[in-house]
């Protein structure tokens, strides 16, 4: 049987076995109640958009919300919120930047002189930066922290699952035929790392006809409910192909979008048990 990389759940007495917890403590001045990861098995499915919409929906429910943009080489969160301020800090810690509604966030793009500058780093450096977003950033009285992860099951998701006490993940996908395979990869990784899967968001699920309102499944019939039932995922959301989403994201006003289509997934997040942070 292959190594799951989760020593805390392993009974094998291998040479590399670690008995201590791999969880990292947040900054001493941080206060975070619950952490949710947003993942995808492949790129280009709208993961960062889903993170932004879920965070905005939670903020509208009266919660104090934060977003950690852990997609270091492809950060897009600040642009969708119209945030251009640079991250500041000193020897006491790194400060978050606020969105127009007061949402706290950190992102690699808020550290660059130009948002189009490429981040050409190897995996260990990228993972280390994500850890600094947790250990060195001061998250102030955050009820719900979303972590927007890069696609796939590589270094960053592994680092987050091992080192940050997340309460669960939301998987983002699209209706194409290969979706079942990529969702299964994400579910299997979550199971190996003992992280609950709280919801499945099918992005670009349908297009509403502007004349008659009929739902047109542009990329084929939805598979979201069937996949959720097969893998016992408790909540499903189908996000439409809506030009208004793109327009608001491009204008840096994603917080203005009505994210009620994600309500069932949000309810599942609400029910998730918060893990001890320290």
Protein backbone atom coordinates (compact mmCIF):
# COMPACT_ATOMS: atom_id res chain seq x y z
CA UNK A 1 0.00 0.00 0.00
CA UNK A 2 1.41 3.41 -0.96
CA UNK A 3 2.19 6.19 1.50
CA UNK A 4 -0.71 8.61 2.10
CA UNK A 5 1.67 11.30 3.41
CA UNK A 6 -0.51 11.57 6.51
CA UNK A 7 1.57 10.13 9.33
CA UNK A 8 -1.10 10.89 11.93
CA UNK A 9 -3.40 8.22 10.46
CA UNK A 10 -0.74 5.65 9.65
CA UNK A 11 0.13 2.57 11.72
CA UNK A 12 3.28 1.67 9.80
CA UNK A 13 6.61 1.97 11.61
CA UNK A 14 8.66 3.35 8.74
CA UNK A 15 11.94 5.22 9.14
CA UNK A 16 10.42 8.53 8.07
CA UNK A 17 7.40 8.30 10.37
CA UNK A 18 6.69 11.49 12.33
CA UNK A 19 4.59 11.30 15.47
CA UNK A 20 4.26 15.06 15.95
CA UNK A 21 1.48 17.06 14.34
CA UNK A 22 2.33 18.68 11.02
CA UNK A 23 -0.11 21.53 11.64
CA UNK A 24 1.42 24.99 11.70
CA UNK A 25 0.33 27.65 14.15
CA UNK A 26 -1.07 30.89 12.72
CA UNK A 27 0.39 34.27 13.60
CA UNK A 28 0.02 34.94 17.33
CA UNK A 29 -2.22 37.93 16.58
CA UNK A 30 -4.47 36.01 14.17
CA UNK A 31 -8.00 34.93 15.01
CA UNK A 32 -9.66 32.53 12.55
CA UNK A 33 -12.69 30.39 13.41
CA UNK A 34 -13.18 28.15 10.34
CA UNK A 35 -11.17 27.42 7.18
CA UNK A 36 -12.52 26.10 3.87
CA UNK A 37 -10.44 25.04 0.88
CA UNK A 38 -11.68 25.48 -2.69
CA UNK A 39 -10.11 22.96 -5.07
CA UNK A 40 -10.38 21.58 -8.58
CA UNK A 41 -8.96 18.57 -10.34
CA UNK A 42 -7.99 20.65 -13.38
CA UNK A 43 -7.52 24.27 -14.34
CA UNK A 44 -9.92 26.57 -16.13
CA UNK A 45 -13.10 25.53 -14.35
CA UNK A 46 -13.75 28.75 -12.42
CA UNK A 47 -12.26 27.83 -9.05
CA UNK A 48 -11.13 31.35 -8.17
CA UNK A 49 -14.47 32.71 -9.32
CA UNK A 50 -16.28 30.23 -7.09
CA UNK A 51 -14.03 31.19 -4.16
CA UNK A 52 -14.86 34.86 -4.72
CA UNK A 53 -18.60 34.22 -4.98
CA UNK A 54 -18.71 31.98 -1.89
CA UNK A 55 -16.70 34.52 0.11
CA UNK A 56 -18.93 37.37 -1.05
CA UNK A 57 -22.07 35.40 -0.20
CA UNK A 58 -20.73 34.65 3.29
CA UNK A 59 -19.84 38.31 3.79
CA UNK A 60 -23.41 39.28 2.90
CA UNK A 61 -24.65 36.93 5.65
CA UNK A 62 -22.86 39.12 8.16
CA UNK A 63 -19.68 37.08 8.63
CA UNK A 64 -16.16 38.43 8.76
CA UNK A 65 -14.51 36.75 5.76
CA UNK A 66 -10.99 36.32 4.45
CA UNK A 67 -9.48 34.88 1.27
CA UNK A 68 -6.02 33.36 1.06
CA UNK A 69 -5.07 33.23 -2.62
CA UNK A 70 -2.84 30.13 -2.60
CA UNK A 71 -2.66 29.96 -6.40
CA UNK A 72 0.75 31.62 -6.31
CA UNK A 73 1.60 31.38 -10.02
CA UNK A 74 -1.91 32.22 -11.23
CA UNK A 75 -3.40 34.67 -8.73
CA UNK A 76 -6.62 36.33 -9.83
CA UNK A 77 -8.54 37.08 -6.63
CA UNK A 78 -7.48 40.76 -6.23
CA UNK A 79 -8.46 41.68 -9.79
CA UNK A 80 -12.02 40.37 -9.33
CA UNK A 81 -12.43 42.47 -6.20
CA UNK A 82 -10.80 45.57 -7.68
CA UNK A 83 -8.06 45.47 -5.05
CA UNK A 84 -4.81 47.17 -6.05
CA UNK A 85 -3.28 48.11 -2.69
CA UNK A 86 0.08 46.53 -1.88
CA UNK A 87 0.52 44.26 1.11
CA UNK A 88 2.40 45.89 3.97
CA UNK A 89 4.18 44.46 6.96
CA UNK A 90 7.03 44.74 9.42
CA UNK A 91 8.84 42.58 11.93
CA UNK A 92 5.54 42.10 13.78
CA UNK A 93 3.77 40.48 10.83
CA UNK A 94 2.14 40.87 7.42
CA UNK A 95 -1.11 42.82 7.07
CA UNK A 96 -4.05 41.79 4.91
CA UNK A 97 -5.55 44.06 2.27
CA UNK A 98 -9.27 44.89 2.34
CA UNK A 99 -11.84 44.57 -0.44
CA UNK A 100 -14.47 47.31 -0.90
CA UNK A 101 -16.80 45.47 1.53
CA UNK A 102 -14.05 44.96 4.11
CA UNK A 103 -13.11 41.38 3.23
CA UNK A 104 -9.52 40.52 4.19
CA UNK A 105 -7.22 38.98 1.59
CA UNK A 106 -3.65 38.14 0.70
CA UNK A 107 -2.39 37.26 -2.75
CA UNK A 108 0.92 37.06 -4.57
CA UNK A 109 -0.33 39.74 -6.96
CA UNK A 110 -0.50 42.16 -4.03
CA UNK A 111 3.23 41.70 -3.51
CA UNK A 112 4.30 42.25 -7.13
CA UNK A 113 5.17 45.63 -8.65
CA UNK A 114 3.12 44.66 -11.72
CA UNK A 115 0.21 42.22 -11.63
CA UNK A 116 1.31 40.79 -14.98
CA UNK A 117 4.79 39.88 -13.68
CA UNK A 118 5.27 36.09 -13.80
CA UNK A 119 6.14 34.12 -10.67
CA UNK A 120 8.76 31.64 -11.87
CA UNK A 121 9.39 29.57 -8.76
CA UNK A 122 9.85 25.90 -7.95
CA UNK A 123 7.37 23.96 -5.87
CA UNK A 124 9.11 24.17 -2.50
CA UNK A 125 9.33 27.98 -2.68
CA UNK A 126 5.66 28.21 -3.69
CA UNK A 127 4.58 25.96 -0.81
CA UNK A 128 6.72 27.97 1.58
CA UNK A 129 5.01 31.18 0.49
CA UNK A 130 1.59 29.66 1.10
CA UNK A 131 2.71 28.71 4.59
CA UNK A 132 3.82 32.30 5.20
CA UNK A 133 0.33 33.43 4.21
CA UNK A 134 -0.81 31.36 7.21
CA UNK A 135 1.98 31.77 9.77
CA UNK A 136 3.10 35.35 9.10
CA UNK A 137 -0.12 37.10 8.04
CA UNK A 138 -2.30 38.69 10.73
CA UNK A 139 -5.89 37.57 10.07
CA UNK A 140 -8.08 39.80 12.28
CA UNK A 141 -11.23 38.24 13.76
CA UNK A 142 -12.06 36.13 10.69
CA UNK A 143 -15.17 33.95 10.98
CA UNK A 144 -14.57 32.13 7.70
CA UNK A 145 -11.32 31.92 5.75
CA UNK A 146 -11.41 30.58 2.18
CA UNK A 147 -8.23 29.19 0.64
CA UNK A 148 -8.22 29.35 -3.16
CA UNK A 149 -5.87 26.51 -4.13
CA UNK A 150 -4.15 25.87 -7.46
CA UNK A 151 -5.65 23.08 -9.57
CA UNK A 152 -4.57 19.47 -9.16
CA UNK A 153 -3.21 17.46 -6.27
CA UNK A 154 0.36 18.73 -6.07
CA UNK A 155 2.59 20.50 -3.56
CA UNK A 156 0.29 23.32 -2.46
CA UNK A 157 -2.87 21.26 -1.78
CA UNK A 158 -0.73 18.70 0.06
CA UNK A 159 0.91 21.45 2.12
CA UNK A 160 -2.45 23.03 2.96
CA UNK A 161 -4.07 19.71 3.91
CA UNK A 162 -1.17 18.78 6.16
CA UNK A 163 -0.33 22.13 7.72
CA UNK A 164 -3.55 24.15 8.01
CA UNK A 165 -6.58 22.93 10.03
CA UNK A 166 -9.20 23.18 7.29
CA UNK A 167 -12.73 22.05 8.10
CA UNK A 168 -13.48 20.83 4.59
CA UNK A 169 -13.24 21.53 0.87
CA UNK A 170 -15.51 22.54 -1.97
CA UNK A 171 -14.74 20.98 -5.35
CA UNK A 172 -15.31 23.00 -8.53
CA UNK A 173 -15.90 21.37 -11.90
CA UNK A 174 -17.64 21.75 -15.28
CA UNK A 175 -20.09 19.48 -17.17
CA UNK A 176 -17.65 17.89 -19.68
CA UNK A 177 -17.27 14.10 -19.90
CA UNK A 178 -13.87 13.96 -18.21
CA UNK A 179 -15.27 15.64 -15.11
CA UNK A 180 -15.91 12.41 -13.22
CA UNK A 181 -12.24 11.45 -13.37
CA UNK A 182 -10.92 14.80 -12.13
CA UNK A 183 -13.53 15.04 -9.37
CA UNK A 184 -12.61 11.52 -8.25
CA UNK A 185 -8.95 12.57 -7.97
CA UNK A 186 -9.88 15.49 -5.71
CA UNK A 187 -12.23 13.33 -3.62
CA UNK A 188 -9.63 10.60 -3.24
CA UNK A 189 -6.98 13.08 -2.10
CA UNK A 190 -9.40 14.57 0.43
CA UNK A 191 -10.23 11.09 1.74
CA UNK A 192 -6.56 10.18 2.07
CA UNK A 193 -5.92 13.38 4.02
CA UNK A 194 -9.10 12.95 6.10
CA UNK A 195 -10.63 16.22 4.91
CA UNK A 196 -14.43 16.31 4.41
CA UNK A 197 -15.82 17.20 0.98
CA UNK A 198 -18.58 19.70 1.74
CA UNK A 199 -19.91 20.55 -1.69
CA UNK A 200 -19.61 20.30 -5.46
CA UNK A 201 -19.98 23.37 -7.67
CA UNK A 202 -20.61 22.78 -11.36
CA UNK A 203 -19.56 25.96 -13.10
CA UNK A 204 -20.77 26.90 -16.61
CA UNK A 205 -23.55 24.41 -16.01
CA UNK A 206 -26.15 26.03 -18.26
CA UNK A 207 -27.12 29.17 -20.11
CA UNK A 208 -30.47 30.84 -19.47
CA UNK A 209 -32.18 31.97 -22.67
CA UNK A 210 -32.64 35.76 -22.41
CA UNK A 211 -36.02 35.52 -24.18
CA UNK A 212 -37.81 32.52 -22.69
CA UNK A 213 -35.67 31.67 -19.65
CA UNK A 214 -35.11 28.07 -20.74
CA UNK A 215 -31.92 26.48 -19.37
CA UNK A 216 -29.65 25.43 -22.23
CA UNK A 217 -26.92 22.96 -21.26
CA UNK A 218 -24.22 24.23 -23.61
CA UNK A 219 -21.55 21.71 -22.57
CA UNK A 220 -23.86 18.72 -22.25
CA UNK A 221 -26.18 17.37 -19.59
CA UNK A 222 -25.28 18.16 -16.01
CA UNK A 223 -23.49 15.40 -14.12
CA UNK A 224 -23.21 17.22 -10.81
CA UNK A 225 -26.02 15.54 -8.86
CA UNK A 226 -25.09 12.06 -10.06
CA UNK A 227 -21.43 12.55 -9.13
CA UNK A 228 -22.35 14.05 -5.76
CA UNK A 229 -24.59 11.08 -5.00
CA UNK A 230 -21.88 8.59 -6.01
CA UNK A 231 -19.27 10.17 -3.75
CA UNK A 232 -21.64 11.17 -0.93
CA UNK A 233 -20.99 14.89 -1.39
CA UNK A 234 -23.71 16.60 0.67
CA UNK A 235 -24.38 19.76 -1.38
CA UNK A 236 -24.46 20.70 -5.07
CA UNK A 237 -24.62 24.05 -6.83
CA UNK A 238 -24.99 24.70 -10.55
CA UNK A 239 -23.59 28.04 -11.68
CA UNK A 240 -24.83 29.43 -14.99
CA UNK A 241 -22.91 30.83 -17.91
CA UNK A 242 -23.77 34.44 -17.11
CA UNK A 243 -22.13 37.37 -18.93
CA UNK A 244 -22.89 39.50 -15.89
CA UNK A 245 -20.43 37.43 -13.82
CA UNK A 246 -17.64 38.07 -16.32
CA UNK A 247 -18.47 41.75 -16.58
CA UNK A 248 -18.43 42.23 -12.81
CA UNK A 249 -15.22 40.20 -12.38
CA UNK A 250 -13.47 42.19 -15.12
CA UNK A 251 -14.63 45.44 -13.52
CA UNK A 252 -13.41 44.39 -10.06
CA UNK A 253 -16.95 44.29 -8.69
CA UNK A 254 -17.54 40.58 -8.11
CA UNK A 255 -18.99 41.38 -4.69
CA UNK A 256 -22.01 42.91 -6.44
CA UNK A 257 -23.08 39.58 -7.97
CA UNK A 258 -26.02 37.68 -6.50
CA UNK A 259 -24.44 34.39 -5.45
CA UNK A 260 -27.65 32.78 -4.19
CA UNK A 261 -27.08 29.81 -6.54
CA UNK A 262 -24.36 28.76 -4.08
CA UNK A 263 -26.66 28.83 -1.05
CA UNK A 264 -26.85 25.05 -0.57
CA UNK A 265 -23.07 24.74 -0.63
CA UNK A 266 -22.80 27.64 1.79
CA UNK A 267 -25.22 25.90 4.17
CA UNK A 268 -23.00 22.82 4.08
CA UNK A 269 -20.01 25.04 4.94
CA UNK A 270 -21.99 26.49 7.86
CA UNK A 271 -22.62 23.01 9.24
CA UNK A 272 -18.98 21.93 8.95
CA UNK A 273 -17.25 21.49 12.27
CA UNK A 274 -14.55 24.05 12.93
CA UNK A 275 -11.19 22.51 13.78
CA UNK A 276 -9.00 23.82 16.60
CA UNK A 277 -6.77 26.48 15.06
CA UNK A 278 -3.96 26.49 17.61
